[in-house]
Amino acid sequence: MSLNIPLPPLGGRAMKYGYSNARVKGMKGLLLKGSELDELLKVKNADAVIELLERTHYKEDLVKLSLLYKGSTLVELAAGRNFASVAMKIIRMCPKSDKKILEALLKRWDVLNLKVVIGARRLGKNFDDIRPYIVPVGSLSEAELERIMKCDDRAFLEEIRRTEFGKEMLSESMGLFNVEMLEVFRGATKSMDNLLQMQTFLDVYVYSYVDKHLVGSSKDIRNIKLLFRKEIDAKNIAIVERIKARGGADKSKLKDYIIKGGTINDSTLAALFDAKDFDAVLGVAKSRLSGLVGAEGNIKSLADLEIALEKAIAKEKVHVFYRSVLSIGTLMGFLLLKEEELNNLRKIAKGKEFNMPEEKLKETLVII
C-alpha cells in the first residue's frame, strides 16, 4: 500500500550544485596521494617518473606528447595539459550563473604565463624554449603570448594591450594603470627594480579582478576571498625578504613593490623589514598565516621560507575544499588542489633532472 506522502522539494543549493559538487568530490580520488608522490620521489630520473605516471590518469597526456618531448619537459607539459583539461571540464559542469567566478580564478594563469614570457625575454630565450611551460588556461592564447615574447621593448606594453586580457587590465574601470607604469613595463627586461614592480602590478590586477568577480554573500565566497587575501600576505612576506636579500633596500619604498589587498598593514610590513632573522620573520608572519606555526628553527634560507609560505597557503586551500558544501567553493577548492599537484610534479621532474637528493626534493613539495 502506497502512502503517497509527497517528498519535500529539493533546496535551491541542492538543485544548483548537487550534480557538479558530487562530480568534483569524485574527481578528488584522482589526485595523486602522498604515497604516490613518495614513489615518484624514490626513482632515479625523469624517465622513471614518467613510467610511474603512466599508471595514473596522466597516461593519456604523456602518450600524446611523448613523440615531441622527453624527460622533465614531458612531465611538466603533460601535467599542464592535464590541468587545463580538468579545468575546462569543471567549467562545463559549473552552473551557468557561476562560470564567471571560475573564469576569474583561471585568470591567474594569464599572469603566470605572462611572467614566464617576461622571464624568458629577460634571459634572451626564444618562444620555443618556453612553449612547454605555458599552461593553456585563461584568456591569453599561445599565439598572443608568442607575439608578446617576440616584440621589442618599446612595443611590449602595446602588444599586451592588444589582447582582451590587456584591454581589461589597462582599462579605466580597473583604475590600476598610470603613466609611470609605462616605463616600468618597457624597462622590465633591463632593470630588476622595474621587473619587480611590473610583477607586482600584474599580481595586483589579477587579485583585483578575482575579488571583483567573486560576488555573493555566502560563507564559502567569504572564505575564498579570505584565502586570496592570505595568499597576497604570503607573497608580500616573500617580496619583503627578497628585497632585504638584495641589500641596500629602502624601507620607505616598500609600497612600490607590495601587492595591495592583503591583511598585512604598513606597520606589520615595517616589522617584517626590521626582522633580523627568519625566526623573527615567522614571529610576525604567523599571526597572519597559522600554517607557519611550528616552523621556527626549520627556516634556514629564503627558499625554505618560500616553501613554508606555500605550504601554509596549501593548508588554507584544503580547508576551502572540505568546508564547502553545495557551493561554488567546492569547484574552486578542487582547482586549487589540482594546481598544487601540477606544481609538485614540476618540482619532482626538475629535481630529478638535476639529481636533487630525495629528502631535499621532498622538502619542496606541498603534500596535501
Protein backbone atom coordinates (compact mmCIF):
# COMPACT_ATOMS: atom_id res chain seq x y z
CA MET A 1 0.00 0.00 0.00
CA SER A 2 1.40 3.36 -1.03
CA LEU A 3 1.07 6.23 1.39
CA ASN A 4 1.60 8.83 -1.35
CA ILE A 5 3.37 11.18 1.03
CA PRO A 6 4.90 13.99 -1.04
CA LEU A 7 8.67 14.36 -0.74
CA PRO A 8 9.93 17.76 0.38
CA PRO A 9 11.20 19.86 -2.52
CA LEU A 10 14.96 19.98 -3.01
CA GLY A 11 16.56 23.17 -1.73
CA GLY A 12 17.87 25.75 -4.17
CA ARG A 13 21.52 24.99 -3.36
CA ALA A 14 20.99 21.25 -3.81
CA MET A 15 19.36 21.81 -7.18
CA LYS A 16 22.06 24.22 -8.30
CA TYR A 17 25.20 22.49 -7.01
CA GLY A 18 24.26 18.87 -6.29
CA TYR A 19 25.47 17.43 -9.61
CA SER A 20 28.67 19.45 -10.02
CA ASN A 21 29.70 19.06 -6.38
CA ALA A 22 29.17 15.29 -6.48
CA ARG A 23 31.25 15.03 -9.68
CA VAL A 24 34.08 17.10 -8.24
CA LYS A 25 34.11 15.20 -4.94
CA GLY A 26 34.50 12.05 -7.03
CA MET A 27 37.35 13.61 -9.01
CA LYS A 28 39.20 14.21 -5.73
CA GLY A 29 40.07 10.49 -5.82
CA LEU A 30 42.13 11.10 -8.97
CA LEU A 31 44.54 13.46 -7.22
CA LEU A 32 47.88 11.81 -6.52
CA LYS A 33 48.09 10.51 -2.98
CA GLY A 34 51.02 11.13 -0.66
CA SER A 35 52.15 7.51 -1.14
CA GLU A 36 52.23 8.01 -4.92
CA LEU A 37 54.31 11.16 -4.56
CA ASP A 38 56.68 9.20 -2.30
CA GLU A 39 57.11 6.63 -5.08
CA LEU A 40 57.91 9.37 -7.57
CA LEU A 41 60.50 10.81 -5.17
CA LYS A 42 62.30 7.49 -4.84
CA VAL A 43 63.01 6.87 -8.54
CA LYS A 44 66.33 7.89 -10.07
CA ASN A 45 65.39 10.02 -13.06
CA ALA A 46 62.61 11.72 -15.03
CA ASP A 47 62.13 8.70 -17.30
CA ALA A 48 61.28 6.59 -14.26
CA VAL A 49 58.87 9.33 -13.11
CA ILE A 50 57.15 9.08 -16.50
CA GLU A 51 56.91 5.30 -16.19
CA LEU A 52 55.12 5.61 -12.85
CA LEU A 53 52.82 8.40 -14.02
CA GLU A 54 51.76 6.26 -17.00
CA ARG A 55 49.98 4.05 -14.43
CA THR A 56 47.81 7.02 -13.41
CA HIS A 57 45.29 9.34 -15.05
CA TYR A 58 48.26 11.19 -16.63
CA LYS A 59 48.87 8.33 -19.08
CA GLU A 60 46.87 9.75 -21.98
CA ASP A 61 48.58 13.17 -21.82
CA LEU A 62 52.03 11.58 -21.56
CA VAL A 63 51.44 9.27 -24.51
CA LYS A 64 50.09 12.07 -26.73
CA LEU A 65 53.12 14.29 -26.11
CA SER A 66 55.86 11.66 -25.93
CA LEU A 67 56.76 11.92 -29.63
CA LEU A 68 57.68 15.59 -29.23
CA TYR A 69 59.01 15.87 -25.67
CA LYS A 70 61.14 13.80 -23.33
CA GLY A 71 62.24 13.75 -19.70
CA SER A 72 61.26 16.55 -17.34
CA THR A 73 59.78 18.66 -20.15
CA LEU A 74 57.36 15.85 -20.99
CA VAL A 75 56.27 15.58 -17.34
CA GLU A 76 55.76 19.33 -16.99
CA LEU A 77 53.88 19.69 -20.25
CA ALA A 78 51.66 16.65 -19.64
CA ALA A 79 50.84 17.92 -16.13
CA GLY A 80 49.95 21.34 -17.54
CA ARG A 81 47.75 19.91 -20.28
CA ASN A 82 46.04 17.63 -17.77
CA PHE A 83 45.31 20.59 -15.51
CA ALA A 84 43.90 22.55 -18.44
CA SER A 85 41.67 19.63 -19.42
CA VAL A 86 40.37 19.24 -15.86
CA ALA A 87 39.77 23.00 -15.55
CA MET A 88 37.72 23.09 -18.76
CA LYS A 89 35.72 20.06 -17.61
CA ILE A 90 34.87 21.76 -14.33
CA ILE A 91 33.83 24.96 -16.11
CA ARG A 92 31.48 22.93 -18.33
CA MET A 93 29.78 21.31 -15.32
CA CYS A 94 29.64 24.57 -13.36
CA PRO A 95 26.22 26.25 -13.02
CA LYS A 96 25.93 28.91 -15.72
CA SER A 97 25.48 31.74 -13.22
CA ASP A 98 28.85 30.93 -11.61
CA LYS A 99 31.02 30.43 -14.70
CA LYS A 100 32.42 33.96 -14.45
CA ILE A 101 33.70 33.15 -10.96
CA LEU A 102 35.69 30.14 -12.18
CA GLU A 103 36.94 32.04 -15.23
CA ALA A 104 38.14 34.78 -12.88
CA LEU A 105 40.06 32.19 -10.87
CA LEU A 106 41.74 30.92 -14.04
CA LYS A 107 42.67 34.50 -14.97
CA ARG A 108 45.59 33.93 -12.58
CA TRP A 109 47.09 31.65 -15.23
CA ASP A 110 47.25 34.52 -17.70
CA VAL A 111 49.53 36.30 -15.24
CA LEU A 112 51.60 33.17 -14.57
CA ASN A 113 52.04 32.56 -18.32
CA LEU A 114 52.91 36.22 -18.87
CA LYS A 115 55.54 36.02 -16.13
CA VAL A 116 57.09 33.03 -17.91
CA VAL A 117 57.29 35.13 -21.08
CA ILE A 118 58.78 38.10 -19.23
CA GLY A 119 61.42 35.94 -17.58
CA ALA A 120 62.32 34.37 -20.91
CA ARG A 121 62.61 37.78 -22.61
CA ARG A 122 64.96 38.87 -19.85
CA LEU A 123 67.16 35.81 -20.45
CA GLY A 124 67.12 36.25 -24.23
CA LYS A 125 65.36 32.94 -24.90
CA ASN A 126 63.16 32.02 -27.87
CA PHE A 127 59.46 31.27 -27.52
CA ASP A 128 60.06 27.65 -28.48
CA ASP A 129 62.26 27.37 -25.38
CA ILE A 130 59.33 28.16 -23.10
CA ARG A 131 56.43 26.74 -25.09
CA PRO A 132 56.29 23.58 -22.93
CA TYR A 133 55.93 25.70 -19.80
CA ILE A 134 52.84 27.59 -20.97
CA VAL A 135 49.68 26.17 -19.38
CA PRO A 136 46.82 26.68 -21.87
CA VAL A 137 44.33 28.04 -19.33
CA GLY A 138 42.99 31.59 -19.20
CA SER A 139 42.27 34.08 -21.94
CA LEU A 140 45.76 34.66 -23.42
CA SER A 141 46.31 32.34 -26.37
CA GLU A 142 49.66 30.81 -27.24
CA ALA A 143 49.79 32.96 -30.38
CA GLU A 144 49.27 36.12 -28.33
CA LEU A 145 51.95 35.12 -25.84
CA GLU A 146 54.33 34.43 -28.73
CA ARG A 147 53.72 37.93 -30.16
CA ILE A 148 54.39 39.47 -26.75
CA MET A 149 57.56 37.40 -26.48
CA LYS A 150 58.94 38.46 -29.88
CA CYS A 151 58.19 42.20 -29.91
CA ASP A 152 60.79 44.80 -28.96
CA ASP A 153 60.80 46.52 -25.57
CA ARG A 154 59.10 49.69 -26.85
CA ALA A 155 56.15 47.69 -28.21
CA PHE A 156 55.90 45.32 -25.24
CA LEU A 157 53.05 47.07 -23.47
CA GLU A 158 51.16 47.73 -26.70
CA GLU A 159 51.25 44.03 -27.60
CA ILE A 160 49.74 43.24 -24.20
CA ARG A 161 47.13 45.98 -24.72
CA ARG A 162 46.04 44.34 -28.00
CA THR A 163 44.74 41.29 -26.12
CA GLU A 164 41.41 41.04 -24.27
CA PHE A 165 43.45 40.43 -21.11
CA GLY A 166 45.42 43.65 -21.67
CA LYS A 167 42.36 45.72 -22.52
CA GLU A 168 40.75 44.72 -19.24
CA MET A 169 43.93 45.15 -17.20
CA LEU A 170 44.63 48.64 -18.57
CA SER A 171 41.02 49.81 -18.66
CA GLU A 172 39.85 52.86 -16.75
CA SER A 173 37.34 50.70 -14.88
CA MET A 174 40.18 48.76 -13.21
CA GLY A 175 41.85 52.05 -12.24
CA LEU A 176 45.30 50.49 -11.88
CA PHE A 177 47.43 51.83 -14.71
CA ASN A 178 49.25 55.16 -14.75
CA VAL A 179 51.86 56.85 -16.93
CA GLU A 180 54.74 55.81 -14.66
CA MET A 181 53.91 52.16 -15.25
CA LEU A 182 54.63 52.59 -18.97
CA GLU A 183 58.35 53.00 -18.31
CA VAL A 184 58.25 50.20 -15.74
CA PHE A 185 56.91 47.80 -18.38
CA ARG A 186 59.37 48.97 -21.00
CA GLY A 187 62.32 48.56 -18.65
CA ALA A 188 61.29 45.25 -17.12
CA THR A 189 63.83 43.21 -19.10
CA LYS A 190 66.68 45.55 -18.22
CA SER A 191 66.08 46.57 -14.60
CA MET A 192 65.39 44.26 -11.63
CA ASP A 193 63.52 47.09 -9.89
CA ASN A 194 61.25 47.53 -12.92
CA LEU A 195 60.76 43.78 -13.18
CA LEU A 196 59.66 43.50 -9.54
CA GLN A 197 57.32 46.47 -9.88
CA MET A 198 55.76 45.08 -13.04
CA GLN A 199 55.24 41.66 -11.45
CA THR A 200 53.60 43.39 -8.50
CA PHE A 201 51.33 45.32 -10.87
CA LEU A 202 50.28 42.07 -12.60
CA ASP A 203 49.52 40.46 -9.24
CA VAL A 204 47.53 43.50 -8.08
CA TYR A 205 45.49 43.31 -11.28
CA VAL A 206 44.67 39.61 -11.06
CA TYR A 207 43.73 39.73 -7.37
CA SER A 208 41.59 42.81 -8.04
CA TYR A 209 39.93 41.01 -10.94
CA VAL A 210 39.23 37.88 -8.90
CA ASP A 211 37.85 39.90 -5.99
CA LYS A 212 35.62 41.88 -8.34
CA HIS A 213 34.08 38.72 -9.80
CA LEU A 214 33.75 36.74 -6.56
CA VAL A 215 30.24 38.02 -5.97
CA GLY A 216 27.86 36.79 -3.30
CA SER A 217 27.48 36.86 0.45
CA SER A 218 27.73 33.14 1.18
CA LYS A 219 30.19 31.85 3.77
CA ASP A 220 32.08 29.96 1.04
CA ILE A 221 32.61 33.09 -1.03
CA ARG A 222 33.83 34.93 2.08
CA ASN A 223 36.24 32.08 2.86
CA ILE A 224 37.63 32.09 -0.68
CA LYS A 225 38.12 35.86 -0.60
CA LEU A 226 39.94 35.49 2.72
CA LEU A 227 42.10 32.73 1.18
CA PHE A 228 43.23 35.09 -1.58
CA ARG A 229 43.92 37.86 0.93
CA LYS A 230 46.17 35.42 2.79
CA GLU A 231 47.82 34.41 -0.48
CA ILE A 232 48.61 38.11 -1.01
CA ASP A 233 50.07 38.19 2.52
CA ALA A 234 52.32 35.22 1.71
CA LYS A 235 53.54 36.89 -1.48
CA ASN A 236 54.19 40.16 0.32
CA ILE A 237 56.20 38.42 3.05
CA ALA A 238 58.33 36.80 0.35
CA ILE A 239 58.69 40.12 -1.51
CA VAL A 240 59.95 41.88 1.64
CA GLU A 241 62.51 39.13 2.23
CA ARG A 242 63.70 39.20 -1.39
CA ILE A 243 64.18 42.96 -1.18
CA LYS A 244 66.15 42.56 2.06
CA ALA A 245 68.29 39.82 0.49
CA ARG A 246 69.33 42.16 -2.31
CA GLY A 247 70.79 44.58 0.24
CA GLY A 248 70.69 48.36 0.39
CA ALA A 249 66.89 48.41 0.33
CA ASP A 250 64.96 51.47 1.46
CA LYS A 251 62.07 50.64 3.81
CA SER A 252 60.19 53.76 2.73
CA LYS A 253 59.90 52.34 -0.81
CA LEU A 254 58.28 49.05 0.19
CA LYS A 255 54.91 50.31 -1.05
CA ASP A 256 56.26 50.28 -4.62
CA TYR A 257 56.61 46.51 -4.52
CA ILE A 258 53.83 45.36 -2.20
CA ILE A 259 50.63 43.82 -3.55
CA LYS A 260 47.57 45.65 -2.28
CA GLY A 261 44.60 43.75 -0.88
CA GLY A 262 46.11 41.56 1.83
CA THR A 263 45.57 41.70 5.58
CA ILE A 264 49.07 42.92 6.48
CA ASN A 265 49.18 46.63 7.32
CA ASP A 266 52.09 49.05 6.90
CA SER A 267 53.34 48.69 10.49
CA THR A 268 53.49 44.90 10.15
CA LEU A 269 55.37 45.23 6.85
CA ALA A 270 57.84 47.52 8.59
CA ALA A 271 58.25 44.94 11.37
CA LEU A 272 58.95 42.25 8.77
CA PHE A 273 61.53 44.50 7.15
CA ASP A 274 63.26 45.09 10.50
CA ALA A 275 63.26 41.39 11.49
CA LYS A 276 66.88 40.26 11.84
CA ASP A 277 66.49 36.53 11.18
CA PHE A 278 63.92 34.07 9.82
CA ASP A 279 62.56 33.13 13.25
CA ALA A 280 61.84 36.81 13.85
CA VAL A 281 60.09 36.94 10.47
CA LEU A 282 57.99 33.94 11.45
CA GLY A 283 57.15 35.59 14.75
CA VAL A 284 55.50 38.39 12.81
CA ALA A 285 54.12 36.35 9.90
CA LYS A 286 52.44 33.50 11.78
CA SER A 287 49.84 35.90 13.19
CA ARG A 288 48.55 36.16 9.61
CA LEU A 289 49.24 32.60 8.43
CA SER A 290 48.51 29.98 11.06
CA GLY A 291 50.14 27.32 8.87
CA LEU A 292 53.54 28.82 9.78
CA VAL A 293 53.14 27.94 13.48
CA GLY A 294 55.79 25.39 14.44
CA ALA A 295 58.15 26.23 11.56
CA GLU A 296 60.54 28.13 13.85
CA GLY A 297 64.06 26.72 13.75
CA ASN A 298 63.49 24.97 10.42
CA ILE A 299 63.82 28.01 8.14
CA LYS A 300 67.47 28.48 7.16
CA SER A 301 67.14 30.31 3.84
CA LEU A 302 64.81 32.41 1.74
CA ALA A 303 63.97 29.28 -0.29
CA ASP A 304 62.94 27.50 2.94
CA LEU A 305 60.71 30.43 3.88
CA GLU A 306 59.02 30.49 0.47
CA ILE A 307 58.32 26.74 0.70
CA ALA A 308 56.86 27.22 4.19
CA LEU A 309 54.63 30.00 2.86
CA GLU A 310 53.45 27.77 0.00
CA LYS A 311 52.57 25.02 2.46
CA ALA A 312 50.72 27.42 4.74
CA ILE A 313 48.55 28.59 1.84
CA ALA A 314 48.04 24.98 0.68
CA LYS A 315 46.50 24.17 4.06
CA GLU A 316 44.06 27.01 3.54
CA LYS A 317 43.13 25.60 0.11
CA VAL A 318 42.39 22.20 1.63
CA HIS A 319 40.09 23.87 4.14
CA VAL A 320 38.21 25.65 1.34
CA PHE A 321 37.57 22.33 -0.44
CA TYR A 322 36.46 20.33 2.58
CA ARG A 323 34.45 23.06 4.28
CA SER A 324 32.42 23.87 1.17
CA VAL A 325 29.05 22.11 0.93
CA LEU A 326 26.78 22.53 -2.11
CA SER A 327 28.70 25.58 -3.26
CA ILE A 328 30.93 27.03 -5.97
CA GLY A 329 33.62 26.77 -3.27
CA THR A 330 33.84 23.01 -3.83
CA LEU A 331 34.70 23.53 -7.51
CA MET A 332 37.17 26.32 -6.79
CA GLY A 333 38.76 24.38 -3.95
CA PHE A 334 39.36 21.39 -6.20
CA LEU A 335 41.00 23.54 -8.88
CA LEU A 336 43.32 24.99 -6.23
CA LEU A 337 44.27 21.47 -5.07
CA LYS A 338 44.89 20.45 -8.68
CA GLU A 339 47.21 23.44 -9.08
CA GLU A 340 49.28 22.17 -6.14
CA GLU A 341 49.56 18.76 -7.81
CA LEU A 342 50.79 20.41 -11.00
CA ASN A 343 53.38 22.38 -9.06
CA ASN A 344 54.55 19.23 -7.25
CA LEU A 345 55.04 17.31 -10.50
CA ARG A 346 57.02 20.22 -11.96
CA LYS A 347 59.30 20.24 -8.91
CA ILE A 348 59.81 16.47 -8.99
CA ALA A 349 60.59 16.45 -12.72
CA LYS A 350 63.14 19.26 -12.45
CA GLY A 351 64.59 17.84 -9.24
CA LYS A 352 65.26 14.51 -10.89
CA GLU A 353 66.84 16.24 -13.88
CA PHE A 354 69.32 17.99 -11.57
CA ASN A 355 69.92 14.93 -9.36
CA MET A 356 68.41 16.62 -6.32
CA PRO A 357 68.55 14.35 -3.22
CA GLU A 358 65.24 12.71 -2.35
CA GLU A 359 64.89 14.26 1.09
CA LYS A 360 65.80 17.74 -0.17
CA LEU A 361 63.30 17.43 -3.01
CA LYS A 362 60.58 16.22 -0.66
CA GLU A 363 61.02 19.35 1.44
CA THR A 364 59.99 21.48 -1.56
CA LEU A 365 56.72 19.64 -2.14
CA VAL A 366 53.35 20.79 -0.86
CA ILE A 367 51.74 17.47 0.11
CA ILE A 368 48.05 17.85 0.91
